[in-house]
Amino acid sequence: MQATRLTLICHARTVAQKQARFGLEEPLDAGWLAQRPEAGHGYRNVRQLLCGPELRTRQTAVLFGAEPQVVQALADCDLGRWRGLSIDEVFTTEPQQLQAWLDDPEAAPHGGESVARLCRRVGDWLTSLQDKPGHLLAVTHPFVIRAALMNVLHCPATTFHRIDIEPLSAMELRFNGVWRLRAQESQA
């Protein structure tokens, strides 16, 4: 049986990311992207291109040369009233709530989705891919990629905030009876 190969790509940078703010429904940072004309060229032969529903993931997916299929499971974590705010702003106005969110994966003091709930959502999606052989490319968000790692490596959700995902970074997962994280060859 052919393995499922899933390449998760973080969307290109947005102005909110540049300013270290929680995500908004916003376009990509065009100036940043213009400095990366090669973006998307390495993944032109995928069986299926998937992306989250947000504008930033749809715009990034277009760089890969195919019409993407929007998948709700790839949506960014809903951070409720914290959307668009920086950690510093949240710390100033809601320090106890921020600390609860950082310490407890079940906490959702912002009124949105908890880290634990996000991890379950992404885990369910990964399970649905186990019988889909071939290469899939999914353009999504740093939080979704972190959640995928939590599931594949069976890490406790308390380690969620210890992972940094850079814009346009790629992570490859393979399923052939068990999910595995696969390191990729450097493009350097």
Protein backbone atom coordinates (compact mmCIF):
# COMPACT_ATOMS: atom_id res chain seq x y z
CA MET A 1 0.00 0.00 0.00
CA GLN A 2 1.27 3.46 -0.90
CA ALA A 3 1.89 5.79 2.03
CA THR A 4 0.06 9.03 2.67
CA ARG A 5 2.49 11.90 2.30
CA LEU A 6 1.32 15.17 3.80
CA THR A 7 3.35 18.34 3.44
CA LEU A 8 2.15 21.12 5.72
CA ILE A 9 3.20 24.60 4.62
CA CYS A 10 2.75 27.68 6.75
CA HIS A 11 1.10 30.57 4.91
CA ALA A 12 3.30 33.46 3.79
CA ARG A 13 3.81 36.35 6.18
CA THR A 14 1.11 38.87 6.96
CA VAL A 15 1.43 42.31 8.51
CA ALA A 16 -0.07 40.94 11.76
CA GLN A 17 2.67 38.29 11.90
CA LYS A 18 5.33 40.92 11.27
CA GLN A 19 3.95 42.90 14.21
CA ALA A 20 3.69 39.75 16.42
CA ARG A 21 -0.10 39.95 16.57
CA PHE A 22 -2.66 37.17 16.69
CA GLY A 23 -4.03 36.49 13.21
CA LEU A 24 -6.69 38.51 11.44
CA GLU A 25 -8.55 37.97 8.20
CA GLU A 26 -5.98 39.82 6.14
CA PRO A 27 -3.97 39.52 2.92
CA LEU A 28 -0.33 38.54 2.67
CA ASP A 29 2.46 41.06 3.18
CA ALA A 30 3.11 41.81 -0.51
CA GLY A 31 6.50 43.41 0.11
CA TRP A 32 7.76 40.37 2.01
CA LEU A 33 6.45 38.01 -0.65
CA ALA A 34 8.00 40.04 -3.50
CA GLN A 35 11.41 39.25 -2.01
CA ARG A 36 10.71 35.52 -2.45
CA PRO A 37 9.99 34.98 -6.16
CA GLU A 38 10.78 31.26 -5.83
CA ALA A 39 7.99 30.68 -3.29
CA GLY A 40 5.92 27.65 -4.21
CA HIS A 41 8.14 26.32 -6.99
CA GLY A 42 9.27 23.19 -5.12
CA TYR A 43 5.83 21.61 -4.81
CA ARG A 44 4.23 21.76 -8.25
CA ASN A 45 3.54 17.99 -8.62
CA VAL A 46 1.25 17.24 -5.70
CA ARG A 47 -1.82 15.04 -6.00
CA GLN A 48 -4.02 17.46 -4.11
CA LEU A 49 -3.60 21.03 -2.85
CA LEU A 50 -5.53 21.91 0.30
CA CYS A 51 -5.75 25.12 2.31
CA GLY A 52 -7.53 26.74 5.20
CA PRO A 53 -10.48 29.06 4.50
CA GLU A 54 -8.72 32.31 5.42
CA LEU A 55 -7.53 34.76 2.78
CA ARG A 56 -3.86 34.37 3.77
CA THR A 57 -3.90 30.60 3.22
CA ARG A 58 -5.83 30.85 -0.05
CA GLN A 59 -3.40 33.49 -1.38
CA THR A 60 -0.40 31.37 -0.38
CA ALA A 61 -1.90 28.24 -1.95
CA VAL A 62 -2.11 30.01 -5.33
CA LEU A 63 1.72 30.14 -5.30
CA PHE A 64 1.76 26.36 -5.73
CA GLY A 65 0.16 26.47 -9.16
CA ALA A 66 -3.13 24.64 -8.67
CA GLU A 67 -6.63 25.48 -7.53
CA PRO A 68 -6.75 24.63 -3.81
CA GLN A 69 -9.53 22.80 -2.04
CA VAL A 70 -10.59 24.73 1.07
CA VAL A 71 -10.71 22.48 4.15
CA GLN A 72 -12.35 23.80 7.32
CA ALA A 73 -10.15 21.56 9.51
CA LEU A 74 -7.18 23.67 8.37
CA ALA A 75 -8.72 26.89 9.71
CA ASP A 76 -6.67 28.92 12.15
CA CYS A 77 -7.36 28.63 15.86
CA ASP A 78 -10.22 30.95 16.79
CA LEU A 79 -8.69 33.32 19.33
CA GLY A 80 -11.94 35.18 19.89
CA ARG A 81 -11.56 38.73 21.16
CA TRP A 82 -7.72 38.47 21.04
CA ARG A 83 -7.64 38.45 17.22
CA GLY A 84 -5.40 41.23 15.97
CA LEU A 85 -3.89 41.94 19.39
CA SER A 86 -0.27 41.43 20.39
CA ILE A 87 0.71 39.28 23.38
CA ASP A 88 1.85 42.49 25.10
CA GLU A 89 -1.58 44.09 24.60
CA VAL A 90 -3.32 41.01 25.98
CA PHE A 91 -0.89 40.90 28.90
CA THR A 92 -1.68 44.54 29.71
CA THR A 93 -5.46 44.09 29.63
CA GLU A 94 -5.94 40.43 30.63
CA PRO A 95 -2.78 39.14 32.34
CA GLN A 96 -4.46 36.35 34.32
CA GLN A 97 -6.43 35.14 31.31
CA LEU A 98 -3.31 35.12 29.15
CA GLN A 99 -1.39 33.13 31.75
CA ALA A 100 -4.27 30.65 32.04
CA TRP A 101 -4.26 30.20 28.25
CA LEU A 102 -0.47 29.68 28.19
CA ASP A 103 -0.57 27.18 31.09
CA ASP A 104 -3.77 25.23 30.45
CA PRO A 105 -4.47 23.77 26.98
CA GLU A 106 -8.18 23.49 27.85
CA ALA A 107 -8.48 27.22 28.65
CA ALA A 108 -10.14 29.57 26.17
CA PRO A 109 -10.47 32.84 28.09
CA HIS A 110 -10.59 34.78 24.81
CA GLY A 111 -13.96 33.21 24.02
CA GLY A 112 -12.68 31.15 21.08
CA GLU A 113 -11.11 27.73 20.63
CA SER A 114 -8.78 26.17 23.21
CA VAL A 115 -5.43 24.66 22.23
CA ALA A 116 -6.70 21.22 23.30
CA ARG A 117 -9.79 21.57 21.11
CA LEU A 118 -7.62 22.68 18.17
CA CYS A 119 -5.38 19.64 18.69
CA ARG A 120 -8.42 17.33 18.69
CA ARG A 121 -9.76 18.95 15.50
CA VAL A 122 -6.44 18.57 13.70
CA GLY A 123 -6.02 15.02 15.05
CA ASP A 124 -9.42 14.04 13.65
CA TRP A 125 -8.42 15.49 10.28
CA LEU A 126 -5.12 13.57 10.27
CA THR A 127 -7.05 10.37 11.00
CA SER A 128 -9.30 11.06 8.00
CA LEU A 129 -6.21 11.16 5.74
CA GLN A 130 -4.83 7.78 6.72
CA ASP A 131 -6.52 5.96 3.85
CA LYS A 132 -5.66 8.58 1.21
CA PRO A 133 -2.38 7.52 -0.41
CA GLY A 134 -0.24 9.89 -2.41
CA HIS A 135 1.09 13.38 -1.82
CA LEU A 136 -1.14 16.08 -0.36
CA LEU A 137 0.02 19.63 0.23
CA ALA A 138 -1.83 21.66 2.86
CA VAL A 139 -1.32 25.39 3.31
CA THR A 140 -2.34 26.35 6.81
CA HIS A 141 -1.41 28.28 9.95
CA PRO A 142 1.35 28.00 12.56
CA PHE A 143 -1.13 26.89 15.23
CA VAL A 144 -2.53 24.13 12.99
CA ILE A 145 0.98 22.87 12.19
CA ARG A 146 1.82 22.86 15.91
CA ALA A 147 -1.34 20.87 16.59
CA ALA A 148 -0.37 18.34 13.91
CA LEU A 149 3.01 17.91 15.61
CA MET A 150 1.33 17.37 18.98
CA ASN A 151 -0.72 14.55 17.43
CA VAL A 152 2.02 12.86 15.40
CA LEU A 153 4.60 12.91 18.18
CA HIS A 154 2.04 12.25 20.96
CA CYS A 155 3.27 15.32 22.82
CA PRO A 156 1.20 16.74 25.63
CA ALA A 157 -0.66 19.86 24.56
CA THR A 158 1.21 21.74 27.29
CA THR A 159 4.22 21.80 24.91
CA PHE A 160 2.21 23.59 22.20
CA HIS A 161 3.70 27.03 22.86
CA ARG A 162 7.30 25.74 22.63
CA ILE A 163 7.21 25.40 18.84
CA ASP A 164 7.84 28.22 16.38
CA ILE A 165 6.63 27.90 12.79
CA GLU A 166 8.04 30.40 10.29
CA PRO A 167 6.13 31.75 7.26
CA LEU A 168 6.43 29.43 4.24
CA SER A 169 8.16 26.75 6.31
CA ALA A 170 7.34 23.15 5.42
CA MET A 171 6.86 20.05 7.55
CA GLU A 172 6.41 16.62 6.03
CA LEU A 173 4.40 13.84 7.63
CA ARG A 174 4.07 10.27 6.34
CA PHE A 175 1.47 7.67 7.24
CA ASN A 176 2.08 3.98 6.59
CA GLY A 177 0.39 2.39 9.58
CA VAL A 178 1.68 5.15 11.87
CA TRP A 179 2.27 8.87 11.39
CA ARG A 180 5.93 9.91 11.21
CA LEU A 181 7.63 13.28 11.02
CA ARG A 182 10.10 13.36 8.15
CA ALA A 183 12.98 15.84 8.01
CA GLN A 184 13.47 17.29 4.54
CA GLU A 185 16.60 18.07 2.57
CA SER A 186 17.76 21.63 3.00
CA GLN A 187 17.36 23.93 0.03
CA ALA A 188 20.58 25.77 1.01
